[in-house]
């Protein structure tokens, strides 16, 4: 019985030590990157699709960014907004970041949003509704 008690005490001590160390991964946190949408327009000759560009300023702690959308836009050959999407890489140069999203679905209703996630776990999201005439 005494050996069992000793094992329990050690197990509890190990659990307490791990809890005191805090979470192993950083927590996601909202940031203000100054997301700005430009060049929002319907895709020529393709009903129900649109495109746009998003620009922002990189946060000091973020070395890279991945972007996501709720309406299955393409960034180069990378698809955002699908169930299997791990996001698409964005381009940053001297603290200014930009990404061109194309062939976005205009029929996704409330899923018309854009989100950027930095390598520092900072994120920002904004709605980007399709121009009404794209429908």
N, C-alpha and C. Protein backbone atom coordinates (compact mmCIF):
# COMPACT_ATOMS: atom_id res chain seq x y z
N UNK A 1 0.82 -1.19 0.00
CA UNK A 1 0.00 0.00 0.00
C UNK A 1 0.86 1.25 0.00
N UNK A 2 1.93 1.23 0.75
CA UNK A 2 2.82 2.39 0.85
C UNK A 2 3.50 2.66 -0.49
N UNK A 3 3.82 1.59 -1.24
CA UNK A 3 4.44 1.78 -2.55
C UNK A 3 3.44 2.44 -3.52
N UNK A 4 2.20 2.05 -3.47
CA UNK A 4 1.16 2.64 -4.29
C UNK A 4 1.00 4.11 -3.97
N UNK A 5 1.02 4.44 -2.69
CA UNK A 5 0.91 5.83 -2.26
C UNK A 5 2.07 6.65 -2.80
N UNK A 6 3.26 6.12 -2.75
CA UNK A 6 4.45 6.81 -3.25
C UNK A 6 4.35 7.07 -4.75
N UNK A 7 3.84 6.07 -5.49
CA UNK A 7 3.67 6.23 -6.94
C UNK A 7 2.63 7.31 -7.25
N UNK A 8 1.56 7.33 -6.48
CA UNK A 8 0.53 8.36 -6.67
C UNK A 8 1.08 9.75 -6.39
N UNK A 9 1.85 9.89 -5.34
CA UNK A 9 2.45 11.18 -5.00
C UNK A 9 3.38 11.64 -6.12
N UNK A 10 4.19 10.73 -6.65
CA UNK A 10 5.09 11.07 -7.75
C UNK A 10 4.31 11.47 -9.00
N UNK A 11 3.25 10.74 -9.31
CA UNK A 11 2.42 11.05 -10.48
C UNK A 11 1.77 12.42 -10.33
N UNK A 12 1.26 12.71 -9.15
CA UNK A 12 0.65 14.03 -8.91
C UNK A 12 1.68 15.13 -9.01
N UNK A 13 2.88 14.89 -8.49
CA UNK A 13 3.95 15.89 -8.57
C UNK A 13 4.34 16.14 -10.02
N UNK A 14 4.41 15.09 -10.83
CA UNK A 14 4.74 15.24 -12.25
C UNK A 14 3.66 16.04 -12.97
N UNK A 15 2.40 15.75 -12.68
CA UNK A 15 1.30 16.49 -13.29
C UNK A 15 1.34 17.96 -12.90
N UNK A 16 1.59 18.23 -11.66
CA UNK A 16 1.66 19.62 -11.18
C UNK A 16 2.82 20.35 -11.85
N UNK A 17 3.95 19.68 -12.02
CA UNK A 17 5.11 20.31 -12.67
C UNK A 17 4.79 20.64 -14.12
N UNK A 18 4.12 19.73 -14.82
CA UNK A 18 3.78 19.98 -16.22
C UNK A 18 2.75 21.11 -16.33
N UNK A 19 1.80 21.16 -15.44
CA UNK A 19 0.80 22.22 -15.46
C UNK A 19 1.45 23.57 -15.20
N UNK A 20 2.44 23.62 -14.35
CA UNK A 20 3.12 24.87 -14.04
C UNK A 20 3.94 25.38 -15.21
N UNK A 21 4.37 24.49 -16.10
CA UNK A 21 5.16 24.89 -17.26
C UNK A 21 4.31 25.61 -18.30
N UNK A 22 3.00 25.47 -18.23
CA UNK A 22 2.13 26.15 -19.18
C UNK A 22 1.94 25.34 -20.44
N UNK A 23 1.16 25.89 -21.38
CA UNK A 23 0.89 25.15 -22.61
C UNK A 23 2.14 25.04 -23.47
N UNK A 24 2.23 23.94 -24.21
CA UNK A 24 3.40 23.70 -25.05
C UNK A 24 3.39 24.57 -26.29
N UNK A 25 2.22 24.88 -26.82
CA UNK A 25 2.14 25.68 -28.04
C UNK A 25 1.63 27.08 -27.72
N UNK A 26 2.03 28.03 -28.54
CA UNK A 26 1.56 29.40 -28.37
C UNK A 26 0.07 29.46 -28.69
N UNK A 27 -0.60 30.40 -28.09
CA UNK A 27 -2.03 30.57 -28.35
C UNK A 27 -2.23 31.56 -29.48
N UNK A 28 -3.22 31.29 -30.31
CA UNK A 28 -3.58 32.23 -31.36
C UNK A 28 -4.08 33.51 -30.71
N UNK A 29 -3.75 34.64 -31.31
CA UNK A 29 -4.20 35.91 -30.76
C UNK A 29 -4.48 36.89 -31.91
N UNK A 30 -5.55 37.67 -31.76
CA UNK A 30 -5.88 38.65 -32.80
C UNK A 30 -4.86 39.79 -32.81
N UNK A 31 -4.57 40.28 -33.99
CA UNK A 31 -3.66 41.42 -34.16
C UNK A 31 -4.27 42.38 -35.17
N UNK A 32 -3.78 43.59 -35.18
CA UNK A 32 -4.21 44.58 -36.16
C UNK A 32 -3.08 44.78 -37.16
N UNK A 33 -3.27 44.23 -38.34
CA UNK A 33 -2.26 44.31 -39.39
C UNK A 33 -2.60 45.35 -40.44
N UNK A 34 -3.78 45.94 -40.33
CA UNK A 34 -4.21 46.95 -41.30
C UNK A 34 -4.60 46.34 -42.64
N UNK A 35 -5.31 45.20 -42.58
CA UNK A 35 -5.75 44.56 -43.82
C UNK A 35 -6.52 45.55 -44.69
N UNK A 36 -6.15 45.62 -45.95
CA UNK A 36 -6.82 46.52 -46.89
C UNK A 36 -7.09 45.78 -48.19
N UNK A 37 -8.35 45.80 -48.63
CA UNK A 37 -8.75 45.13 -49.86
C UNK A 37 -8.73 46.13 -51.01
N UNK A 38 -8.21 45.68 -52.15
CA UNK A 38 -8.21 46.52 -53.35
C UNK A 38 -8.50 45.64 -54.56
N UNK A 39 -8.75 46.27 -55.68
CA UNK A 39 -8.97 45.59 -56.96
C UNK A 39 -10.07 44.54 -56.91
N UNK A 40 -11.11 44.79 -56.12
CA UNK A 40 -12.25 43.88 -55.99
C UNK A 40 -13.10 43.98 -57.25
N UNK A 41 -13.25 42.87 -57.97
CA UNK A 41 -14.01 42.89 -59.22
C UNK A 41 -14.46 41.49 -59.59
N UNK A 42 -15.48 41.42 -60.44
CA UNK A 42 -15.94 40.14 -60.96
C UNK A 42 -14.93 39.61 -61.96
N UNK A 43 -14.80 38.28 -62.04
CA UNK A 43 -13.95 37.68 -63.06
C UNK A 43 -14.62 37.84 -64.42
N UNK A 44 -13.88 38.31 -65.39
CA UNK A 44 -14.42 38.53 -66.73
C UNK A 44 -14.78 37.19 -67.38
N UNK A 45 -16.00 37.11 -67.86
CA UNK A 45 -16.45 35.93 -68.58
C UNK A 45 -16.76 34.71 -67.73
N UNK A 46 -16.68 34.84 -66.41
CA UNK A 46 -16.98 33.69 -65.54
C UNK A 46 -18.04 34.12 -64.52
N UNK A 47 -19.26 33.67 -64.71
CA UNK A 47 -20.33 34.04 -63.80
C UNK A 47 -20.11 33.41 -62.42
N UNK A 48 -20.37 34.18 -61.36
CA UNK A 48 -20.28 33.67 -60.00
C UNK A 48 -18.89 33.62 -59.41
N UNK A 49 -17.92 34.29 -60.03
CA UNK A 49 -16.54 34.31 -59.51
C UNK A 49 -16.03 35.75 -59.46
N UNK A 50 -15.16 36.01 -58.49
CA UNK A 50 -14.56 37.34 -58.37
C UNK A 50 -13.14 37.24 -57.84
N UNK A 51 -12.43 38.37 -57.85
CA UNK A 51 -11.03 38.39 -57.41
C UNK A 51 -10.76 39.69 -56.65
N UNK A 52 -9.67 39.69 -55.87
CA UNK A 52 -9.26 40.86 -55.11
C UNK A 52 -7.84 40.71 -54.61
N UNK A 53 -7.28 41.79 -54.12
CA UNK A 53 -5.93 41.81 -53.55
C UNK A 53 -6.05 42.30 -52.12
N UNK A 54 -5.28 41.71 -51.21
CA UNK A 54 -5.25 42.17 -49.82
C UNK A 54 -3.80 42.53 -49.48
N UNK A 55 -3.63 43.70 -48.86
CA UNK A 55 -2.32 44.18 -48.41
C UNK A 55 -2.36 44.38 -46.90
N UNK A 56 -1.20 44.23 -46.24
CA UNK A 56 -1.10 44.49 -44.81
C UNK A 56 0.35 44.70 -44.43
N UNK A 57 0.56 45.17 -43.22
CA UNK A 57 1.90 45.37 -42.67
C UNK A 57 2.23 44.19 -41.77
N UNK A 58 3.42 43.63 -41.94
CA UNK A 58 3.83 42.48 -41.13
C UNK A 58 4.07 42.90 -39.69
N UNK A 59 3.69 42.02 -38.77
CA UNK A 59 3.96 42.23 -37.35
C UNK A 59 5.45 41.94 -37.10
N UNK A 60 6.06 42.61 -36.13
CA UNK A 60 7.50 42.42 -35.86
C UNK A 60 7.90 40.96 -35.61
N UNK A 61 7.04 40.16 -34.98
CA UNK A 61 7.41 38.79 -34.63
C UNK A 61 7.05 37.74 -35.67
N UNK A 62 6.44 38.13 -36.76
CA UNK A 62 5.98 37.15 -37.76
C UNK A 62 6.97 37.09 -38.93
N UNK A 63 7.52 35.93 -39.17
CA UNK A 63 8.46 35.75 -40.27
C UNK A 63 7.75 35.40 -41.58
N UNK A 64 6.55 34.83 -41.46
CA UNK A 64 5.80 34.44 -42.66
C UNK A 64 4.31 34.44 -42.34
N UNK A 65 3.51 34.39 -43.41
CA UNK A 65 2.05 34.39 -43.27
C UNK A 65 1.43 33.35 -44.18
N UNK A 66 0.29 32.82 -43.73
CA UNK A 66 -0.56 31.95 -44.54
C UNK A 66 -1.93 32.61 -44.59
N UNK A 67 -2.59 32.47 -45.72
CA UNK A 67 -3.90 33.10 -45.88
C UNK A 67 -4.97 32.05 -46.12
N UNK A 68 -6.18 32.40 -45.72
CA UNK A 68 -7.34 31.52 -45.81
C UNK A 68 -8.52 32.35 -46.30
N UNK A 69 -9.48 31.72 -46.94
CA UNK A 69 -10.71 32.40 -47.31
C UNK A 69 -11.87 31.43 -47.14
N UNK A 70 -13.05 31.97 -47.02
CA UNK A 70 -14.21 31.11 -46.84
C UNK A 70 -14.89 30.76 -48.14
N UNK A 71 -14.35 31.23 -49.25
CA UNK A 71 -15.05 31.02 -50.52
C UNK A 71 -14.19 30.40 -51.62
N UNK A 72 -13.26 29.57 -51.21
CA UNK A 72 -12.47 28.75 -52.13
C UNK A 72 -11.73 29.55 -53.20
N UNK A 73 -11.10 30.62 -52.79
CA UNK A 73 -10.27 31.42 -53.71
C UNK A 73 -8.99 30.67 -54.03
N UNK A 74 -8.37 31.06 -55.11
CA UNK A 74 -7.06 30.53 -55.48
C UNK A 74 -6.00 31.59 -55.23
N UNK A 75 -4.87 31.16 -54.69
CA UNK A 75 -3.68 32.00 -54.55
C UNK A 75 -2.62 31.25 -55.34
N UNK A 76 -2.34 31.72 -56.53
CA UNK A 76 -1.50 30.92 -57.43
C UNK A 76 -2.24 29.63 -57.73
N UNK A 77 -1.60 28.50 -57.47
CA UNK A 77 -2.26 27.19 -57.66
C UNK A 77 -2.77 26.61 -56.36
N UNK A 78 -2.70 27.37 -55.28
CA UNK A 78 -3.12 26.91 -53.96
C UNK A 78 -4.57 27.32 -53.71
N UNK A 79 -5.40 26.37 -53.29
CA UNK A 79 -6.81 26.65 -53.01
C UNK A 79 -7.01 26.94 -51.52
N UNK A 80 -7.66 28.05 -51.22
CA UNK A 80 -8.02 28.38 -49.84
C UNK A 80 -9.48 28.00 -49.62
N UNK A 81 -9.87 27.89 -48.38
CA UNK A 81 -11.29 27.71 -48.07
C UNK A 81 -11.86 26.34 -48.37
N UNK A 82 -11.02 25.34 -48.50
CA UNK A 82 -11.52 23.99 -48.67
C UNK A 82 -11.28 23.24 -47.36
N UNK A 83 -11.95 22.13 -47.19
CA UNK A 83 -11.84 21.37 -45.94
C UNK A 83 -10.40 20.90 -45.70
N UNK A 84 -9.65 20.67 -46.75
CA UNK A 84 -8.29 20.17 -46.59
C UNK A 84 -7.23 21.27 -46.68
N UNK A 85 -7.64 22.50 -46.84
CA UNK A 85 -6.68 23.58 -47.03
C UNK A 85 -5.86 23.85 -45.78
N UNK A 86 -4.56 23.96 -45.97
CA UNK A 86 -3.65 24.34 -44.89
C UNK A 86 -3.25 25.80 -45.06
N UNK A 87 -4.04 26.52 -45.85
CA UNK A 87 -3.72 27.91 -46.13
C UNK A 87 -2.73 28.01 -47.28
N UNK A 88 -2.55 29.22 -47.75
CA UNK A 88 -1.63 29.48 -48.86
C UNK A 88 -0.63 30.53 -48.42
N UNK A 89 0.59 30.41 -48.89
CA UNK A 89 1.65 31.34 -48.51
C UNK A 89 1.40 32.72 -49.10
N UNK A 90 1.71 33.73 -48.31
CA UNK A 90 1.62 35.12 -48.76
C UNK A 90 3.04 35.66 -48.98
N UNK A 91 3.13 36.72 -49.75
CA UNK A 91 4.42 37.33 -50.04
C UNK A 91 4.61 38.59 -49.21
N UNK A 92 5.74 38.67 -48.52
CA UNK A 92 6.08 39.87 -47.75
C UNK A 92 7.44 40.36 -48.20
N UNK A 93 7.59 41.69 -48.27
CA UNK A 93 8.85 42.29 -48.67
C UNK A 93 9.04 43.56 -47.85
N UNK A 94 10.08 43.59 -47.05
CA UNK A 94 10.40 44.75 -46.22
C UNK A 94 9.22 45.18 -45.34
N UNK A 95 8.50 44.20 -44.80
CA UNK A 95 7.41 44.50 -43.88
C UNK A 95 6.07 44.76 -44.52
N UNK A 96 6.01 44.79 -45.84
CA UNK A 96 4.74 44.96 -46.55
C UNK A 96 4.35 43.63 -47.17
N UNK A 97 3.12 43.20 -46.89
CA UNK A 97 2.66 41.90 -47.38
C UNK A 97 1.49 42.10 -48.34
N UNK A 98 1.37 41.14 -49.26
CA UNK A 98 0.32 41.23 -50.26
C UNK A 98 -0.02 39.84 -50.77
N UNK A 99 -1.28 39.67 -51.14
CA UNK A 99 -1.70 38.41 -51.75
C UNK A 99 -2.86 38.71 -52.70
N UNK A 100 -2.80 38.09 -53.88
CA UNK A 100 -3.86 38.22 -54.87
C UNK A 100 -4.70 36.96 -54.83
N UNK A 101 -5.99 37.12 -54.58
CA UNK A 101 -6.93 36.00 -54.55
C UNK A 101 -7.77 36.06 -55.82
N UNK A 102 -7.93 34.92 -56.48
CA UNK A 102 -8.69 34.90 -57.73
C UNK A 102 -9.65 33.72 -57.75
N UNK A 103 -10.59 33.81 -58.65
CA UNK A 103 -11.58 32.75 -58.85
C UNK A 103 -12.33 32.41 -57.57
N UNK A 104 -12.65 33.44 -56.78
CA UNK A 104 -13.40 33.25 -55.53
C UNK A 104 -14.87 33.01 -55.84
N UNK A 105 -15.49 32.10 -55.13
CA UNK A 105 -16.91 31.82 -55.35
C UNK A 105 -17.77 32.94 -54.77
N UNK A 106 -18.68 33.45 -55.58
CA UNK A 106 -19.56 34.53 -55.16
C UNK A 106 -20.84 34.02 -54.51
N UNK A 107 -21.05 32.71 -54.50
CA UNK A 107 -22.31 32.15 -53.99
C UNK A 107 -22.18 31.53 -52.60
N UNK A 108 -21.21 31.95 -51.82
CA UNK A 108 -20.97 31.32 -50.52
C UNK A 108 -21.61 32.07 -49.35
N UNK A 109 -22.35 33.12 -49.62
CA UNK A 109 -23.07 33.83 -48.56
C UNK A 109 -22.16 34.38 -47.48
N UNK A 110 -22.37 33.95 -46.24
CA UNK A 110 -21.61 34.49 -45.11
C UNK A 110 -20.18 33.97 -45.06
N UNK A 111 -19.81 33.08 -45.95
CA UNK A 111 -18.44 32.56 -45.97
C UNK A 111 -17.50 33.42 -46.82
N UNK A 112 -17.91 34.62 -47.15
CA UNK A 112 -17.07 35.51 -47.95
C UNK A 112 -16.19 36.32 -47.01
N UNK A 113 -15.08 35.71 -46.58
CA UNK A 113 -14.16 36.35 -45.65
C UNK A 113 -12.72 36.00 -46.03
N UNK A 114 -11.80 36.77 -45.50
CA UNK A 114 -10.37 36.58 -45.70
C UNK A 114 -9.71 36.57 -44.33
N UNK A 115 -8.75 35.66 -44.13
CA UNK A 115 -8.04 35.58 -42.85
C UNK A 115 -6.56 35.38 -43.12
N UNK A 116 -5.74 36.07 -42.34
CA UNK A 116 -4.29 35.91 -42.43
C UNK A 116 -3.78 35.43 -41.07
N UNK A 117 -2.86 34.46 -41.09
CA UNK A 117 -2.28 33.90 -39.88
C UNK A 117 -0.76 33.97 -39.98
N UNK A 118 -0.15 34.65 -39.00
CA UNK A 118 1.30 34.81 -39.00
C UNK A 118 2.00 33.67 -38.30
N UNK A 119 3.30 33.53 -38.57
CA UNK A 119 4.10 32.50 -37.90
C UNK A 119 4.22 32.78 -36.41
N UNK A 120 3.85 33.99 -35.98
CA UNK A 120 3.83 34.32 -34.55
C UNK A 120 2.48 34.01 -33.91
N UNK A 121 1.58 33.33 -34.65
CA UNK A 121 0.23 32.96 -34.22
C UNK A 121 -0.72 34.14 -34.10
N UNK A 122 -0.34 35.29 -34.62
CA UNK A 122 -1.24 36.44 -34.68
C UNK A 122 -2.10 36.32 -35.93
N UNK A 123 -3.37 36.70 -35.82
CA UNK A 123 -4.27 36.59 -36.96
C UNK A 123 -5.20 37.80 -37.05
N UNK A 124 -5.70 38.03 -38.26
CA UNK A 124 -6.73 39.04 -38.49
C UNK A 124 -7.65 38.52 -39.59
N UNK A 125 -8.93 38.85 -39.47
CA UNK A 125 -9.94 38.36 -40.40
C UNK A 125 -10.86 39.52 -40.76
N UNK A 126 -11.31 39.57 -42.02
CA UNK A 126 -12.29 40.57 -42.41
C UNK A 126 -13.21 40.02 -43.48
N UNK A 127 -14.44 40.55 -43.56
CA UNK A 127 -15.36 40.11 -44.61
C UNK A 127 -14.95 40.73 -45.95
N UNK A 128 -15.08 39.95 -47.01
CA UNK A 128 -14.81 40.45 -48.36
C UNK A 128 -15.94 39.93 -49.26
N UNK A 129 -17.02 40.67 -49.28
CA UNK A 129 -18.20 40.25 -50.06
C UNK A 129 -17.99 40.47 -51.54
N UNK A 130 -18.53 39.56 -52.32
CA UNK A 130 -18.46 39.66 -53.78
C UNK A 130 -19.27 40.86 -54.26
N UNK A 131 -18.78 41.53 -55.29
CA UNK A 131 -19.62 42.58 -55.89
C UNK A 131 -20.94 41.94 -56.35
N UNK A 132 -22.06 42.59 -56.08
CA UNK A 132 -23.38 42.03 -56.38
C UNK A 132 -23.57 41.59 -57.80
N UNK A 133 -22.94 42.25 -58.74
CA UNK A 133 -23.14 41.93 -60.16
C UNK A 133 -22.46 40.63 -60.60
N UNK A 134 -21.67 40.00 -59.73
CA UNK A 134 -20.97 38.75 -60.08
C UNK A 134 -21.90 37.55 -60.06
N UNK A 135 -23.06 37.68 -59.42
CA UNK A 135 -23.97 36.54 -59.21
C UNK A 135 -24.46 35.95 -60.52
